[in-house]
Protein backbone atom coordinates (compact mmCIF):
# COMPACT_ATOMS: atom_id res chain seq x y z
CA MET A 1 91.20 107.83 111.66
CA GLU A 2 87.42 107.45 112.01
CA VAL A 3 85.71 104.96 109.35
CA VAL A 4 82.03 106.65 108.87
CA GLU A 5 79.53 103.77 107.37
CA THR A 6 76.90 105.31 104.35
CA LYS A 7 73.48 104.00 103.54
CA LEU A 8 75.49 102.33 100.72
CA LYS A 9 77.22 98.93 102.48
CA GLY A 10 80.61 99.17 101.56
CA VAL A 11 81.05 102.57 100.71
CA VAL A 12 82.78 104.55 103.69
CA VAL A 13 84.31 108.04 104.51
CA ILE A 14 87.41 108.24 106.15
CA LYS A 15 88.35 111.05 108.43
CA PRO A 16 92.29 110.95 109.31
CA ASN A 17 93.93 111.79 112.54
CA VAL A 18 95.26 115.38 111.09
CA PHE A 19 98.19 116.65 113.73
CA GLU A 20 98.27 120.65 112.89
CA ASP A 21 100.53 123.27 114.33
CA ALA A 22 102.32 126.24 113.42
CA ARG A 23 104.22 124.76 110.65
CA GLY A 24 101.13 123.45 108.67
CA TYR A 25 99.63 119.83 109.07
CA PHE A 26 100.55 116.35 108.66
CA PHE A 27 98.36 112.86 108.24
CA GLU A 28 98.42 109.69 107.08
CA SER A 29 96.42 109.48 103.60
CA TYR A 30 97.19 105.59 103.39
CA ASN A 31 98.45 102.97 105.78
CA LYS A 32 98.01 99.45 104.80
CA ASN A 33 97.80 98.24 108.68
CA ALA A 34 95.57 100.87 109.87
CA PHE A 35 93.12 100.58 107.22
CA ALA A 36 93.25 96.48 107.58
CA GLN A 37 92.66 97.11 111.42
CA ALA A 38 89.39 99.13 110.33
CA GLY A 39 88.00 96.48 108.27
CA LEU A 40 89.26 97.89 104.59
CA ASN A 41 91.53 95.25 103.16
CA MET A 42 92.12 96.47 99.65
CA ASN A 43 95.07 96.23 97.51
CA PHE A 44 95.95 99.34 95.38
CA VAL A 45 97.72 98.87 92.42
CA GLN A 46 97.40 101.99 90.87
CA ASP A 47 97.07 105.74 91.58
CA ASN A 48 95.43 108.74 89.41
CA GLN A 49 95.27 112.16 89.97
CA SER A 50 93.25 115.19 87.95
CA LEU A 51 93.25 118.69 87.91
CA SER A 52 89.85 120.20 87.07
CA GLN A 53 88.41 124.06 87.57
CA LYS A 54 85.37 125.08 89.34
CA GLY A 55 81.99 123.53 87.19
CA VAL A 56 83.65 120.08 85.99
CA LEU A 57 81.89 117.12 86.22
CA ARG A 58 83.34 113.59 86.03
CA GLY A 59 81.25 110.75 85.82
CA LEU A 60 79.38 108.29 86.58
CA HIS A 61 82.62 106.11 85.82
CA PHE A 62 83.34 102.28 86.34
CA GLN A 63 84.85 99.47 85.22
CA ASN A 64 83.18 95.86 84.72
CA ASN A 65 84.64 92.62 85.74
CA PRO A 66 87.17 91.63 85.39
CA HIS A 67 88.76 94.86 85.29
CA ALA A 68 86.43 96.46 88.53
CA GLN A 69 88.20 98.76 90.32
CA GLY A 70 87.72 100.12 94.03
CA LYS A 71 88.57 103.39 94.67
CA LEU A 72 90.11 105.45 97.77
CA VAL A 73 89.45 109.20 96.72
CA ARG A 74 90.53 112.33 98.33
CA VAL A 75 91.06 116.25 97.12
CA ILE A 76 94.56 117.66 97.69
CA THR A 77 93.61 121.12 97.14
CA GLY A 78 89.98 122.71 96.32
CA ALA A 79 86.75 120.79 96.91
CA VAL A 80 84.77 118.29 95.49
CA PHE A 81 81.02 116.91 95.99
CA ASP A 82 81.62 113.01 95.54
CA VAL A 83 79.21 110.52 94.22
CA ALA A 84 79.01 106.79 94.68
CA LEU A 85 76.04 104.65 92.83
CA ASP A 86 75.16 101.41 93.53
CA ILE A 87 75.21 99.43 90.47
CA ARG A 88 75.13 95.81 92.25
CA LYS A 89 72.35 93.79 90.68
CA GLY A 90 70.16 92.43 94.22
CA SER A 91 71.78 94.86 96.50
CA PRO A 92 69.04 96.41 98.43
CA THR A 93 70.48 99.87 97.76
CA TYR A 94 70.74 99.19 94.19
CA GLY A 95 70.23 102.52 92.02
CA GLN A 96 70.70 104.95 95.23
CA TRP A 97 73.68 106.99 95.61
CA PHE A 98 75.61 108.60 98.37
CA GLY A 99 77.16 112.23 98.01
CA THR A 100 79.46 113.85 100.33
CA GLU A 101 82.03 116.76 100.03
CA LEU A 102 85.70 116.00 100.29
CA THR A 103 88.01 119.12 100.46
CA GLU A 104 91.37 120.08 101.28
CA LYS A 105 90.25 121.62 104.64
CA ASN A 106 88.37 118.48 105.77
CA LYS A 107 90.62 115.96 104.41
CA HIS A 108 87.90 113.22 104.30
CA MET A 109 88.38 110.59 101.99
CA MET A 110 85.78 108.13 100.66
CA TYR A 111 86.39 104.60 99.56
CA ILE A 112 83.96 103.27 96.71
CA PRO A 113 84.34 99.45 96.50
CA GLU A 114 83.98 97.48 93.12
CA GLY A 115 80.03 97.22 92.00
CA PHE A 116 79.81 100.78 92.24
CA ALA A 117 79.75 103.90 89.77
CA HIS A 118 81.40 107.08 90.81
CA GLY A 119 81.91 110.80 89.84
CA PHE A 120 82.38 114.11 91.15
CA ALA A 121 81.99 117.57 90.62
CA THR A 122 84.73 120.41 91.18
CA LEU A 123 83.31 123.02 93.82
CA GLU A 124 86.43 125.42 93.46
CA ASP A 125 88.87 126.28 90.88
CA ASN A 126 92.36 124.24 90.42
CA THR A 127 90.99 121.39 92.33
CA ILE A 128 93.60 118.37 92.41
CA PHE A 129 91.75 115.11 93.23
CA SER A 130 93.47 111.81 93.75
CA TYR A 131 92.52 108.40 93.89
CA LYS A 132 93.96 104.80 94.37
CA CYS A 133 92.53 102.19 92.64
CA THR A 134 92.58 98.26 93.10
CA ASN A 135 92.68 97.31 89.64
CA VAL A 136 94.66 99.12 86.63
CA TYR A 137 92.58 100.83 83.99
CA ASN A 138 91.47 99.09 80.98
CA LYS A 139 89.64 101.07 78.28
CA ALA A 140 87.53 97.92 76.87
CA ALA A 141 86.29 97.53 80.42
CA GLU A 142 85.19 100.89 81.25
CA ASP A 143 81.45 102.50 81.06
CA CYS A 144 79.66 105.19 82.52
CA ILE A 145 76.02 106.22 83.60
CA LEU A 146 74.58 109.25 82.76
CA TRP A 147 75.13 111.85 85.17
CA ASN A 148 72.18 113.89 85.13
CA ASP A 149 69.61 110.82 84.81
CA THR A 150 66.17 112.03 86.02
CA ASP A 151 65.64 108.51 87.61
CA LEU A 152 68.74 108.87 89.69
CA ALA A 153 67.91 112.53 90.66
CA ILE A 154 71.83 113.14 91.80
CA ASP A 155 72.20 117.12 93.08
CA TRP A 156 75.48 117.93 92.02
CA LYS A 157 75.79 120.94 93.03
CA LEU A 158 76.17 122.64 89.84
CA GLU A 159 73.91 124.48 87.28
CA THR A 160 75.86 123.90 84.23
CA PRO A 161 78.83 121.29 84.54
CA LEU A 162 81.52 121.28 82.02
CA LEU A 163 81.34 117.49 80.60
CA SER A 164 83.58 115.39 78.51
CA GLU A 165 82.05 113.79 75.33
CA LYS A 166 82.27 110.23 77.24
CA ASP A 167 80.14 111.65 80.18
CA LEU A 168 77.55 113.11 77.75
CA GLN A 169 77.03 110.02 76.08
CA GLY A 170 76.44 108.02 79.59
CA LYS A 171 73.67 105.22 79.76
CA GLN A 172 70.22 105.78 81.10
CA PHE A 173 69.93 103.90 84.72
CA LYS A 174 66.57 102.10 83.51
CA ASN A 175 68.67 101.14 80.22
CA PHE A 176 71.38 99.74 81.83
CA VAL A 177 72.38 96.12 82.21
CA SER A 178 74.54 95.93 85.22
CA LEU A 179 77.41 92.93 84.94
CA PHE A 180 77.48 93.19 89.03
């Protein structure tokens, strides 16, 4: 596999080795030893999966300490524009974001460590999104940054996304007090 660093320290794009033939394809979406050899030492304790139609936006979500989560995300079917936002006080990239397309065709994954908000916009109908987490979900620790905050200027690749009530109520970044 190839691990590609991004402008946000700790956020990486992972390009697995994919073996294709007339029958289809095979790849390891996670191998603890291979990840550790690549410097990605994390312990996953929960897997999540969502199904979304084209135009759904989920994010920018995170959990505060001591329930913060690192996430290894990928698309099983369909396509998303996936975004990580640095919310680590004192980080040289605090308030900056990185986005990339994760698709069933490219089979890329992204690792988003603790201290980042995460979100994605679905680019195709019937997109199945999967993520492994380093901590279990804790409702009392969850928080949300406003997806369309003009100070962040994230280009989600969508005109009018379908949003949850929680995402409509996200905090403006300039009023957000990070606990990281």
